[in-house]
Amino acid sequence: MAKILVIDDEKDFLKLVRDKLVLDGYDVETAADGKEGLDKARSGEHDLILCDIRMPLKDGLEVVKELRSDASFSTPIIMLTAVDEFEKVREAYSMEANFYVTKPVKFKELLKNIRVLLSLSEKRAV
């Protein structure tokens, strides 16, 4: 069972995403802000990270930048955010986010993106 870390400061949205992912068979850990998310990402073994952009303490782009600064950190990251500005999208991809999904989330598409990234990660690990 794949383990997914979801980082988002919106409690209702965090619970909704967690519940949907658990129903789809994933093991889910959550973090309520960027700092907590960064700490959990560094200390745990996750197969995938979903990360909001606008959060207190550290925003999602800072989280991605810090994680990707460690050459051994290769966990796929999906930015999951209401921010739909070209500059933010470009910045996220330049920091090596794997996908950028805007809110409101279409869970069918999100789950498809998750499956694709997890499948690609498994193939790279072989």
Protein backbone atom coordinates (compact mmCIF):
# COMPACT_ATOMS: atom_id res chain seq x y z
CA MET A 1 0.00 0.00 0.00
CA ALA A 2 1.46 3.34 -1.07
CA LYS A 3 1.95 6.00 1.60
CA ILE A 4 0.98 9.58 0.71
CA LEU A 5 1.76 12.75 2.66
CA VAL A 6 -0.81 15.54 2.21
CA ILE A 7 0.30 19.05 3.24
CA ASP A 8 -2.45 21.69 3.40
CA ASP A 9 -3.51 24.32 5.93
CA GLU A 10 -7.24 24.08 5.10
CA LYS A 11 -8.49 21.54 7.66
CA ASP A 12 -11.72 20.64 5.84
CA PHE A 13 -9.92 20.17 2.54
CA LEU A 14 -7.16 18.15 4.23
CA LYS A 15 -9.76 15.81 5.76
CA LEU A 16 -11.62 15.48 2.44
CA VAL A 17 -8.46 14.56 0.53
CA ARG A 18 -7.34 12.17 3.27
CA ASP A 19 -10.73 10.43 3.30
CA LYS A 20 -10.83 10.10 -0.52
CA LEU A 21 -7.30 8.67 -0.63
CA VAL A 22 -7.96 6.22 2.21
CA LEU A 23 -11.11 5.03 0.40
CA ASP A 24 -8.95 4.45 -2.67
CA GLY A 25 -6.62 2.23 -0.63
CA TYR A 26 -3.76 4.55 0.27
CA ASP A 27 -2.04 4.99 3.62
CA VAL A 28 -2.26 8.75 4.30
CA GLU A 29 -0.35 11.05 6.63
CA THR A 30 -1.27 14.73 6.92
CA ALA A 31 0.44 17.99 7.86
CA ALA A 32 -1.34 21.29 8.59
CA ASP A 33 1.41 23.69 7.45
CA GLY A 34 4.58 23.82 5.41
CA LYS A 35 6.99 23.42 8.32
CA GLU A 36 5.21 20.35 9.69
CA GLY A 37 4.99 18.96 6.16
CA LEU A 38 8.69 19.48 5.54
CA ASP A 39 9.56 17.76 8.83
CA LYS A 40 7.30 14.79 8.05
CA ALA A 41 8.57 14.53 4.47
CA ARG A 42 12.15 14.38 5.72
CA SER A 43 11.50 11.94 8.55
CA GLY A 44 9.11 9.50 6.90
CA GLU A 45 9.04 7.15 4.00
CA HIS A 46 6.40 8.43 1.60
CA ASP A 47 5.73 7.27 -1.91
CA LEU A 48 4.13 10.59 -2.92
CA ILE A 49 3.54 14.08 -1.54
CA LEU A 50 0.56 16.36 -2.23
CA CYS A 51 1.39 19.94 -1.25
CA ASP A 52 -0.56 23.22 -1.19
CA ILE A 53 1.26 26.45 -2.10
CA ARG A 54 -0.17 29.10 0.23
CA MET A 55 0.41 27.97 3.82
CA PRO A 56 1.69 29.45 7.06
CA LEU A 57 5.26 29.02 8.34
CA LYS A 58 6.56 27.77 4.96
CA ASP A 59 4.76 27.94 1.66
CA GLY A 60 4.61 24.95 -0.66
CA LEU A 61 7.23 26.27 -3.04
CA GLU A 62 9.70 26.60 -0.15
CA VAL A 63 8.87 23.02 0.87
CA VAL A 64 9.56 21.71 -2.63
CA LYS A 65 12.75 23.76 -2.96
CA GLU A 66 14.12 22.47 0.34
CA LEU A 67 13.21 18.85 -0.39
CA ARG A 68 14.70 18.96 -3.89
CA SER A 69 17.91 20.53 -2.58
CA ASP A 70 18.68 17.08 -1.14
CA ALA A 71 19.93 15.07 -4.12
CA SER A 72 18.79 11.80 -2.52
CA PHE A 73 15.17 12.97 -2.18
CA SER A 74 13.27 11.67 -5.19
CA THR A 75 9.71 11.34 -3.87
CA PRO A 76 7.20 12.59 -6.47
CA ILE A 77 5.39 15.82 -5.54
CA ILE A 78 2.03 17.08 -6.77
CA MET A 79 1.24 20.72 -6.08
CA LEU A 80 -2.43 20.82 -5.10
CA THR A 81 -3.53 24.43 -4.88
CA ALA A 82 -6.03 27.19 -5.64
CA VAL A 83 -3.18 29.29 -7.05
CA ASP A 84 -3.65 29.25 -10.82
CA GLU A 85 -1.10 31.86 -11.87
CA PHE A 86 1.26 31.05 -14.71
CA GLU A 87 4.28 32.31 -12.77
CA LYS A 88 3.55 30.01 -9.80
CA VAL A 89 2.99 27.04 -12.09
CA ARG A 90 6.29 27.73 -13.88
CA GLU A 91 8.09 28.18 -10.55
CA ALA A 92 6.70 24.89 -9.19
CA TYR A 93 7.86 22.98 -12.26
CA SER A 94 11.25 24.68 -12.21
CA MET A 95 11.67 23.37 -8.66
CA GLU A 96 10.89 19.89 -9.95
CA ALA A 97 7.29 19.43 -8.82
CA ASN A 98 5.91 16.55 -10.88
CA PHE A 99 2.34 17.78 -11.41
CA TYR A 100 0.33 20.91 -10.66
CA VAL A 101 -3.37 20.38 -9.87
CA THR A 102 -5.71 23.30 -9.18
CA LYS A 103 -8.59 23.47 -6.72
CA PRO A 104 -11.43 22.73 -6.83
CA VAL A 105 -10.01 19.27 -7.31
CA LYS A 106 -11.48 16.73 -9.68
CA PHE A 107 -10.67 13.65 -7.62
CA LYS A 108 -10.93 11.26 -10.57
CA GLU A 109 -8.14 13.20 -12.34
CA LEU A 110 -6.10 13.54 -9.14
CA LEU A 111 -6.26 9.80 -8.53
CA LYS A 112 -5.20 9.16 -12.13
CA ASN A 113 -2.17 11.47 -11.69
CA ILE A 114 -1.29 9.74 -8.42
CA ARG A 115 -1.41 6.31 -10.07
CA VAL A 116 0.78 7.51 -12.96
CA LEU A 117 3.44 8.95 -10.65
CA LEU A 118 3.45 5.91 -8.37
CA SER A 119 3.76 3.62 -11.39
CA LEU A 120 6.68 5.64 -12.77
CA SER A 121 8.37 5.62 -9.35
CA GLU A 122 8.05 1.85 -9.12
CA LYS A 123 9.61 1.41 -12.56
CA ARG A 124 12.56 3.66 -11.64
CA ALA A 125 13.15 1.67 -8.44
CA VAL A 126 13.47 -1.61 -10.32
